[in-house]
Each structure stands twice: as structure tokens, then as C-alpha cells.
Amino acid sequence: MKALFHDEEDGNSEPIPGLPEELPQGEEIMWQGKPNGLTLTIQALRIRLVFAYFALFTLWRIAAIAARDGATSEMAGVATSSMLGVIAAGGLLFILGWLMARSTIYTITNRRIVFRYGVAIRKYVNIPFTAIKTAGLKHHGRDRGSIALSTTNKSKIAYLHLWPHARPWRFSAPQPMLRAIANADQVAATLCSAMKNNAPSNVNITLEAPTTDVAAPIHGKATAPA
């Protein structure tokens, strides 16, 4: 089996939240969850870069005014307009991040991983365990983290179809990503256990010890033979 992608433009109700259809006989849900809206906004929408841009632009404008001996009131006007810009841009990004998180449900069953997302148009990505080459966990502080999935070539899904549920900067070989989830270590262990117990002929599993290093890339790993 390979990863499948499809839209549900008519917005039909789901028989099970997060799933487009009833589970086949013998398949059961091991875990379901949503991204954290704030963490998704920070990690996927890069809101800190937006704030940094406004800060640098404001400092540059004020320095230019000071260099020509401009009035203090002019500097205050620049600072005020920049602050309003920060509030407007930040507010829009926070709303977008909240809507993205609210419309998303990640599901791990004993056979596959299903992504349901989309603010305007509901989308589903179905990734059977047999299509997964590797899975890795990256912490975002506290108990939150993201799990990236490397899939087989036959299961390649376009980056723009997946965003923001894709590992950053992997354009040529997009990796679906369960982003900004709570209890990330537990979810990674559940995924590895499900794959180990239900796809033993296809997947070999190792789960490395958790680390508190936020920058550490991958902690859980599942490897399938070529």
C-alpha cells in the first residue's frame, strides 16, 4: 500500500472524528490528537521572524531619523506605526494558527497514520505503516514535539499539499509531520509500538532514549527494508 491523498470539498460529516470513513474490521485507533495552536504558530508560521523583521525595520527607521537629527515625535510615530503593524500581523498569524490547529486531527491506528486538516477544504492523508521508512521526533520544549515521517518513493506527496503538516525545507522529498503535539514522547512510543506489533515483516523498530535537547532532531526511529 502507498500513501493516499484526497479532498472532501463537500464537507460531509465524518463517521469517526478525523477519519473519512469507518475503520475496516480489525483496525483500531491507538491515538488521536491535535497540534497546539500557539506552538504551531511559532514553529510553522514563523511568527518570531515576523516580530524580528518589524523590530529591525523599526530600529533602522529610527536610526535614520536620528542620523539626520530628526524630531523625537517623528521617532515616536515610527515606533507607534510599527507596533500597530506587529499587533495586526501577529494577530492574523495567531488566528490562522488557531484555525489550522482546530481543523486538524492526527490519528494513529494499528495499521496506519491519518492526517485530517484544512481550514477551508478538508483534506486527508492516509499513510499505511508499510509506506513509512523512518519516523523521528523533535522536541519543542516541555512535553511538546513533532514527529516527521519519511515515506517510500511511491508514497511521495507534494509539499504544498501537506503544509503546514510537513517537515520544513524538505521540498524534493516531503515528509509528513505530526506537528506541535502534546506528550510527544508518549505518542512516539505508541507509534513505534504499533508499527512493531502490527507490521513486523515490513518494519524494524528502535526507540532511542528521550532527550531534553530541543535542537536534537530525531529520537524515535522506524526503518523498513528496501
C-alpha atoms as a PDB file:
ATOM      1  CA  MET A   1       0.000   0.000   0.000  1.00  0.00           C
ATOM      2  CA  LYS A   2       1.049   3.596  -0.529  1.00  0.00           C
ATOM      3  CA  ALA A   3       0.130   6.945   0.960  1.00  0.00           C
ATOM      4  CA  LEU A   4      -3.140   8.377  -0.328  1.00  0.00           C
ATOM      5  CA  PHE A   5      -4.280  12.000  -0.517  1.00  0.00           C
ATOM      6  CA  HIS A   6      -7.751  13.320  -1.204  1.00  0.00           C
ATOM      7  CA  ASP A   7     -10.022  16.315  -0.560  1.00  0.00           C
ATOM      8  CA  GLU A   8     -13.503  16.408   0.917  1.00  0.00           C
ATOM      9  CA  GLU A   9     -14.774  19.638  -0.619  1.00  0.00           C
ATOM     10  CA  ASP A  10     -18.417  18.991   0.221  1.00  0.00           C
ATOM     11  CA  GLY A  11     -17.646  18.842   3.953  1.00  0.00           C
ATOM     12  CA  ASN A  12     -19.506  15.592   4.601  1.00  0.00           C
ATOM     13  CA  SER A  13     -19.716  14.580   8.250  1.00  0.00           C
ATOM     14  CA  GLU A  14     -17.152  12.087   9.464  1.00  0.00           C
ATOM     15  CA  PRO A  15     -18.266   8.702  10.797  1.00  0.00           C
ATOM     16  CA  ILE A  16     -15.345   8.943  13.229  1.00  0.00           C
ATOM     17  CA  PRO A  17     -13.770  12.341  14.044  1.00  0.00           C
ATOM     18  CA  GLY A  18     -10.592  12.662  11.989  1.00  0.00           C
ATOM     19  CA  LEU A  19     -11.405   9.814   9.595  1.00  0.00           C
ATOM     20  CA  PRO A  20     -13.263   9.960   6.257  1.00  0.00           C
ATOM     21  CA  GLU A  21     -14.837   6.523   6.676  1.00  0.00           C
ATOM     22  CA  GLU A  22     -15.442   3.732   9.156  1.00  0.00           C
ATOM     23  CA  LEU A  23     -12.429   1.656  10.152  1.00  0.00           C
ATOM     24  CA  PRO A  24     -12.119  -1.761   8.471  1.00  0.00           C
ATOM     25  CA  GLN A  25     -12.610  -4.818  10.612  1.00  0.00           C
ATOM     26  CA  GLY A  26      -9.582  -5.474  12.779  1.00  0.00           C
ATOM     27  CA  GLU A  27      -8.299  -1.890  12.692  1.00  0.00           C
ATOM     28  CA  GLU A  28      -8.436   0.188  15.863  1.00  0.00           C
ATOM     29  CA  ILE A  29      -7.388   3.662  16.932  1.00  0.00           C
ATOM     30  CA  MET A  30      -4.272   3.766  19.113  1.00  0.00           C
ATOM     31  CA  TRP A  31      -4.062   7.562  19.499  1.00  0.00           C
ATOM     32  CA  GLN A  32      -5.667  10.777  18.284  1.00  0.00           C
ATOM     33  CA  GLY A  33      -4.576  14.344  18.882  1.00  0.00           C
ATOM     34  CA  LYS A  34      -4.351  17.905  17.611  1.00  0.00           C
ATOM     35  CA  PRO A  35      -1.498  20.388  17.260  1.00  0.00           C
ATOM     36  CA  ASN A  36      -1.134  23.061  19.915  1.00  0.00           C
ATOM     37  CA  GLY A  37      -2.198  26.332  18.278  1.00  0.00           C
ATOM     38  CA  LEU A  38       0.497  28.517  19.845  1.00  0.00           C
ATOM     39  CA  THR A  39       3.323  26.086  19.118  1.00  0.00           C
ATOM     40  CA  LEU A  40       2.055  25.572  15.553  1.00  0.00           C
ATOM     41  CA  THR A  41       2.051  29.348  15.025  1.00  0.00           C
ATOM     42  CA  ILE A  42       5.613  29.633  16.305  1.00  0.00           C
ATOM     43  CA  GLN A  43       7.024  26.599  14.507  1.00  0.00           C
ATOM     44  CA  ALA A  44       5.108  26.561  11.210  1.00  0.00           C
ATOM     45  CA  LEU A  45       4.099  30.189  10.653  1.00  0.00           C
ATOM     46  CA  ARG A  46       7.428  31.569  11.909  1.00  0.00           C
ATOM     47  CA  ILE A  47       5.857  34.361  13.918  1.00  0.00           C
ATOM     48  CA  ARG A  48       9.147  35.116  15.656  1.00  0.00           C
ATOM     49  CA  LEU A  49      10.692  36.025  12.295  1.00  0.00           C
ATOM     50  CA  VAL A  50       7.811  38.437  11.679  1.00  0.00           C
ATOM     51  CA  PHE A  51       8.420  40.100  15.044  1.00  0.00           C
ATOM     52  CA  ALA A  52      12.157  40.251  14.345  1.00  0.00           C
ATOM     53  CA  TYR A  53      11.520  41.885  10.957  1.00  0.00           C
ATOM     54  CA  PHE A  54       9.361  44.604  12.490  1.00  0.00           C
ATOM     55  CA  ALA A  55      11.922  45.195  15.252  1.00  0.00           C
ATOM     56  CA  LEU A  56      14.844  45.550  12.817  1.00  0.00           C
ATOM     57  CA  PHE A  57      12.838  47.724  10.443  1.00  0.00           C
ATOM     58  CA  THR A  58      11.795  49.999  13.306  1.00  0.00           C
ATOM     59  CA  LEU A  59      15.354  50.341  14.615  1.00  0.00           C
ATOM     60  CA  TRP A  60      16.620  51.119  11.110  1.00  0.00           C
ATOM     61  CA  ARG A  61      13.979  53.827  10.611  1.00  0.00           C
ATOM     62  CA  ILE A  62      14.669  55.393  14.000  1.00  0.00           C
ATOM     63  CA  ALA A  63      18.442  55.306  13.394  1.00  0.00           C
ATOM     64  CA  ALA A  64      17.931  57.023  10.029  1.00  0.00           C
ATOM     65  CA  ILE A  65      15.825  59.754  11.661  1.00  0.00           C
ATOM     66  CA  ALA A  66      18.401  60.211  14.431  1.00  0.00           C
ATOM     67  CA  ALA A  67      21.228  60.465  11.869  1.00  0.00           C
ATOM     68  CA  ARG A  68      19.587  63.492  10.277  1.00  0.00           C
ATOM     69  CA  ASP A  69      18.693  64.983  13.663  1.00  0.00           C
ATOM     70  CA  GLY A  70      15.010  64.319  13.219  1.00  0.00           C
ATOM     71  CA  ALA A  71      12.421  65.179  15.844  1.00  0.00           C
ATOM     72  CA  THR A  72      11.636  62.846  18.717  1.00  0.00           C
ATOM     73  CA  SER A  73       7.975  62.970  17.747  1.00  0.00           C
ATOM     74  CA  GLU A  74       8.861  61.540  14.345  1.00  0.00           C
ATOM     75  CA  MET A  75      10.674  58.639  16.006  1.00  0.00           C
ATOM     76  CA  ALA A  76       7.704  58.051  18.274  1.00  0.00           C
ATOM     77  CA  GLY A  77       5.429  57.990  15.220  1.00  0.00           C
ATOM     78  CA  VAL A  78       7.591  55.340  13.563  1.00  0.00           C
ATOM     79  CA  ALA A  79       7.616  53.240  16.729  1.00  0.00           C
ATOM     80  CA  THR A  80       3.831  53.544  17.086  1.00  0.00           C
ATOM     81  CA  SER A  81       3.112  52.560  13.480  1.00  0.00           C
ATOM     82  CA  SER A  82       5.460  49.599  13.769  1.00  0.00           C
ATOM     83  CA  MET A  83       3.773  48.494  16.980  1.00  0.00           C
ATOM     84  CA  LEU A  84       0.388  48.611  15.273  1.00  0.00           C
ATOM     85  CA  GLY A  85       1.843  46.557  12.417  1.00  0.00           C
ATOM     86  CA  VAL A  86       3.168  43.964  14.863  1.00  0.00           C
ATOM     87  CA  ILE A  87      -0.216  43.704  16.568  1.00  0.00           C
ATOM     88  CA  ALA A  88      -2.065  43.331  13.247  1.00  0.00           C
ATOM     89  CA  ALA A  89       0.365  40.820  11.699  1.00  0.00           C
ATOM     90  CA  GLY A  90       0.785  38.855  14.909  1.00  0.00           C
ATOM     91  CA  GLY A  91      -2.962  38.759  15.481  1.00  0.00           C
ATOM     92  CA  LEU A  92      -3.637  37.423  11.985  1.00  0.00           C
ATOM     93  CA  LEU A  93      -0.960  34.729  12.347  1.00  0.00           C
ATOM     94  CA  PHE A  94      -2.273  33.665  15.747  1.00  0.00           C
ATOM     95  CA  ILE A  95      -5.809  33.393  14.352  1.00  0.00           C
ATOM     96  CA  LEU A  96      -4.567  31.397  11.354  1.00  0.00           C
ATOM     97  CA  GLY A  97      -2.521  29.101  13.610  1.00  0.00           C
ATOM     98  CA  TRP A  98      -5.524  28.558  15.883  1.00  0.00           C
ATOM     99  CA  LEU A  99      -7.782  27.746  12.920  1.00  0.00           C
ATOM    100  CA  MET A 100      -5.210  25.319  11.493  1.00  0.00           C
ATOM    101  CA  ALA A 101      -4.830  23.555  14.834  1.00  0.00           C
ATOM    102  CA  ARG A 102      -8.598  23.430  15.390  1.00  0.00           C
ATOM    103  CA  SER A 103      -9.270  21.850  11.984  1.00  0.00           C
ATOM    104  CA  THR A 104      -6.533  19.216  12.339  1.00  0.00           C
ATOM    105  CA  ILE A 105      -6.762  15.729  13.791  1.00  0.00           C
ATOM    106  CA  TYR A 106      -3.879  13.259  13.720  1.00  0.00           C
ATOM    107  CA  THR A 107      -4.824   9.584  14.058  1.00  0.00           C
ATOM    108  CA  ILE A 108      -2.584   6.579  14.673  1.00  0.00           C
ATOM    109  CA  THR A 109      -4.256   3.202  14.216  1.00  0.00           C
ATOM    110  CA  ASN A 110      -2.721  -0.237  14.412  1.00  0.00           C
ATOM    111  CA  ARG A 111      -2.182  -0.121  10.624  1.00  0.00           C
ATOM    112  CA  ARG A 112      -1.614   3.465   9.510  1.00  0.00           C
ATOM    113  CA  ILE A 113      -1.403   7.179  10.259  1.00  0.00           C
ATOM    114  CA  VAL A 114      -4.147   9.520   9.055  1.00  0.00           C
ATOM    115  CA  PHE A 115      -3.860  13.299   8.767  1.00  0.00           C
ATOM    116  CA  ARG A 116      -7.077  15.327   8.651  1.00  0.00           C
ATOM    117  CA  TYR A 117      -6.591  19.051   8.140  1.00  0.00           C
ATOM    118  CA  GLY A 118      -7.676  22.081   6.136  1.00  0.00           C
ATOM    119  CA  VAL A 119      -9.348  25.310   7.275  1.00  0.00           C
ATOM    120  CA  ALA A 120     -11.454  25.880   4.134  1.00  0.00           C
ATOM    121  CA  ILE A 121     -11.290  22.488   2.397  1.00  0.00           C
ATOM    122  CA  ARG A 122     -10.986  19.337   4.442  1.00  0.00           C
ATOM    123  CA  LYS A 123      -8.089  17.121   3.384  1.00  0.00           C
ATOM    124  CA  TYR A 124      -6.986  13.644   4.360  1.00  0.00           C
ATOM    125  CA  VAL A 125      -3.624  11.940   4.029  1.00  0.00           C
ATOM    126  CA  ASN A 126      -3.563   8.221   4.693  1.00  0.00           C
ATOM    127  CA  ILE A 127      -0.118   6.689   5.311  1.00  0.00           C
ATOM    128  CA  PRO A 128      -0.027   2.915   5.927  1.00  0.00           C
ATOM    129  CA  PHE A 129       2.847   1.620   8.037  1.00  0.00           C
ATOM    130  CA  THR A 130       4.221  -0.231   5.009  1.00  0.00           C
ATOM    131  CA  ALA A 131       4.839   3.137   3.310  1.00  0.00           C
ATOM    132  CA  ILE A 132       6.935   4.524   6.197  1.00  0.00           C
ATOM    133  CA  LYS A 133      10.725   4.300   6.011  1.00  0.00           C
ATOM    134  CA  THR A 134      11.657   6.291   9.109  1.00  0.00           C
ATOM    135  CA  ALA A 135       9.932   8.249  11.854  1.00  0.00           C
ATOM    136  CA  GLY A 136      11.638  10.833  14.029  1.00  0.00           C
ATOM    137  CA  LEU A 137      10.753  13.022  16.983  1.00  0.00           C
ATOM    138  CA  LYS A 138      11.919  16.575  17.642  1.00  0.00           C
ATOM    139  CA  HIS A 139      11.081  18.319  20.918  1.00  0.00           C
ATOM    140  CA  HIS A 140       9.809  21.895  21.118  1.00  0.00           C
ATOM    141  CA  GLY A 141      10.262  22.311  24.843  1.00  0.00           C
ATOM    142  CA  ARG A 142       8.232  20.940  27.759  1.00  0.00           C
ATOM    143  CA  ASP A 143       6.287  17.912  26.549  1.00  0.00           C
ATOM    144  CA  ARG A 144       5.559  19.120  23.018  1.00  0.00           C
ATOM    145  CA  GLY A 145       7.186  17.906  19.851  1.00  0.00           C
ATOM    146  CA  SER A 146       6.744  16.977  16.201  1.00  0.00           C
ATOM    147  CA  ILE A 147       7.068  13.580  14.529  1.00  0.00           C
ATOM    148  CA  ALA A 148       8.341  13.579  10.927  1.00  0.00           C
ATOM    149  CA  LEU A 149       7.710  10.598   8.651  1.00  0.00           C
ATOM    150  CA  SER A 150       9.983   9.623   5.797  1.00  0.00           C
ATOM    151  CA  THR A 151       7.975   7.636   3.258  1.00  0.00           C
ATOM    152  CA  THR A 152       8.829   5.442   0.290  1.00  0.00           C
ATOM    153  CA  ASN A 153       9.249   6.996  -3.151  1.00  0.00           C
ATOM    154  CA  LYS A 154       5.909   5.539  -4.253  1.00  0.00           C
ATOM    155  CA  SER A 155       4.226   7.435  -1.417  1.00  0.00           C
ATOM    156  CA  LYS A 156       5.561  10.887  -2.216  1.00  0.00           C
ATOM    157  CA  ILE A 157       3.059  13.686  -1.518  1.00  0.00           C
ATOM    158  CA  ALA A 158       3.555  17.272  -2.688  1.00  0.00           C
ATOM    159  CA  TYR A 159       4.930  19.634  -0.050  1.00  0.00           C
ATOM    160  CA  LEU A 160       2.225  22.256  -0.668  1.00  0.00           C
ATOM    161  CA  HIS A 161      -0.472  19.612  -0.232  1.00  0.00           C
ATOM    162  CA  LEU A 162       0.942  18.769   3.188  1.00  0.00           C
ATOM    163  CA  TRP A 163       1.874  22.220   4.538  1.00  0.00           C
ATOM    164  CA  PRO A 164       1.900  23.096   7.376  1.00  0.00           C
ATOM    165  CA  HIS A 165       1.956  19.407   8.312  1.00  0.00           C
ATOM    166  CA  ALA A 166       5.305  18.822   6.627  1.00  0.00           C
ATOM    167  CA  ARG A 167       8.892  18.885   7.817  1.00  0.00           C
ATOM    168  CA  PRO A 168      10.418  22.286   6.944  1.00  0.00           C
ATOM    169  CA  TRP A 169      12.681  22.639   3.895  1.00  0.00           C
ATOM    170  CA  ARG A 170      12.157  19.070   2.622  1.00  0.00           C
ATOM    171  CA  PHE A 171      10.768  20.163  -0.758  1.00  0.00           C
ATOM    172  CA  SER A 172      12.212  17.458  -3.029  1.00  0.00           C
ATOM    173  CA  ALA A 173      11.325  14.641  -0.628  1.00  0.00           C
ATOM    174  CA  PRO A 174       8.425  15.945   1.520  1.00  0.00           C
ATOM    175  CA  GLN A 175       7.981  14.378   4.937  1.00  0.00           C
ATOM    176  CA  PRO A 176       4.526  14.403   6.558  1.00  0.00           C
ATOM    177  CA  MET A 177       4.773  15.727  10.103  1.00  0.00           C
ATOM    178  CA  LEU A 178       2.588  15.450  13.190  1.00  0.00           C
ATOM    179  CA  ARG A 179       3.306  18.972  14.397  1.00  0.00           C
ATOM    180  CA  ALA A 180       3.219  20.567  17.831  1.00  0.00           C
ATOM    181  CA  ILE A 181       1.619  17.618  19.628  1.00  0.00           C
ATOM    182  CA  ALA A 182       1.455  17.230  23.403  1.00  0.00           C
ATOM    183  CA  ASN A 183       3.040  14.270  25.216  1.00  0.00           C
ATOM    184  CA  ALA A 184       5.312  13.807  22.217  1.00  0.00           C
ATOM    185  CA  ASP A 185       7.459  11.083  23.806  1.00  0.00           C
ATOM    186  CA  GLN A 186       4.358   9.044  24.603  1.00  0.00           C
ATOM    187  CA  VAL A 187       2.977   9.443  21.086  1.00  0.00           C
ATOM    188  CA  ALA A 188       6.320   8.415  19.562  1.00  0.00           C
ATOM    189  CA  ALA A 189       6.395   5.326  21.761  1.00  0.00           C
ATOM    190  CA  THR A 190       2.802   4.485  20.798  1.00  0.00           C
ATOM    191  CA  LEU A 191       3.654   4.807  17.103  1.00  0.00           C
ATOM    192  CA  CYS A 192       6.750   2.631  17.401  1.00  0.00           C
ATOM    193  CA  SER A 193       4.873   0.028  19.422  1.00  0.00           C
ATOM    194  CA  ALA A 194       2.018  -0.055  16.901  1.00  0.00           C
ATOM    195  CA  MET A 195       4.411  -0.470  13.985  1.00  0.00           C
ATOM    196  CA  LYS A 196       6.471  -3.097  15.763  1.00  0.00           C
ATOM    197  CA  ASN A 197       3.448  -5.156  16.789  1.00  0.00           C
ATOM    198  CA  ASN A 198       1.431  -4.839  13.593  1.00  0.00           C
ATOM    199  CA  ALA A 199       3.962  -4.692  10.759  1.00  0.00           C
ATOM    200  CA  PRO A 200       6.782  -6.998  11.940  1.00  0.00           C
ATOM    201  CA  SER A 201       7.504  -8.319   8.460  1.00  0.00           C
ATOM    202  CA  ASN A 202       7.846  -4.861   6.967  1.00  0.00           C
ATOM    203  CA  VAL A 203       9.312  -2.664   9.668  1.00  0.00           C
ATOM    204  CA  ASN A 204      12.122  -2.910  12.196  1.00  0.00           C
ATOM    205  CA  ILE A 205      11.736  -0.537  15.160  1.00  0.00           C
ATOM    206  CA  THR A 206      14.133   1.136  17.565  1.00  0.00           C
ATOM    207  CA  LEU A 207      13.202   3.890  20.009  1.00  0.00           C
ATOM    208  CA  GLU A 208      16.077   5.938  21.382  1.00  0.00           C
ATOM    209  CA  ALA A 209      16.037   7.315  24.911  1.00  0.00           C
ATOM    210  CA  PRO A 210      14.317  10.720  25.191  1.00  0.00           C
ATOM    211  CA  THR A 211      16.483  13.809  25.495  1.00  0.00           C
ATOM    212  CA  THR A 212      15.736  17.316  26.764  1.00  0.00           C
ATOM    213  CA  ASP A 213      17.787  18.907  23.985  1.00  0.00           C
ATOM    214  CA  VAL A 214      15.253  20.925  21.982  1.00  0.00           C
ATOM    215  CA  ALA A 215      17.616  21.059  18.994  1.00  0.00           C
ATOM    216  CA  ALA A 216      18.077  17.290  18.852  1.00  0.00           C
ATOM    217  CA  PRO A 217      16.487  16.163  15.578  1.00  0.00           C
ATOM    218  CA  ILE A 218      15.290  12.565  15.759  1.00  0.00           C
ATOM    219  CA  HIS A 219      14.501  10.370  18.756  1.00  0.00           C
ATOM    220  CA  GLY A 220      12.099   7.688  17.552  1.00  0.00           C
ATOM    221  CA  LYS A 221      13.143   5.697  14.501  1.00  0.00           C
ATOM    222  CA  ALA A 222      11.386   3.084  12.401  1.00  0.00           C
ATOM    223  CA  THR A 223      13.217   1.531   9.496  1.00  0.00           C
ATOM    224  CA  ALA A 224      11.762  -0.553   6.708  1.00  0.00           C
ATOM    225  CA  PRO A 225      13.844  -2.776   4.427  1.00  0.00           C
ATOM    226  CA  ALA A 226      14.249  -1.645   0.823  1.00  0.00           C
END
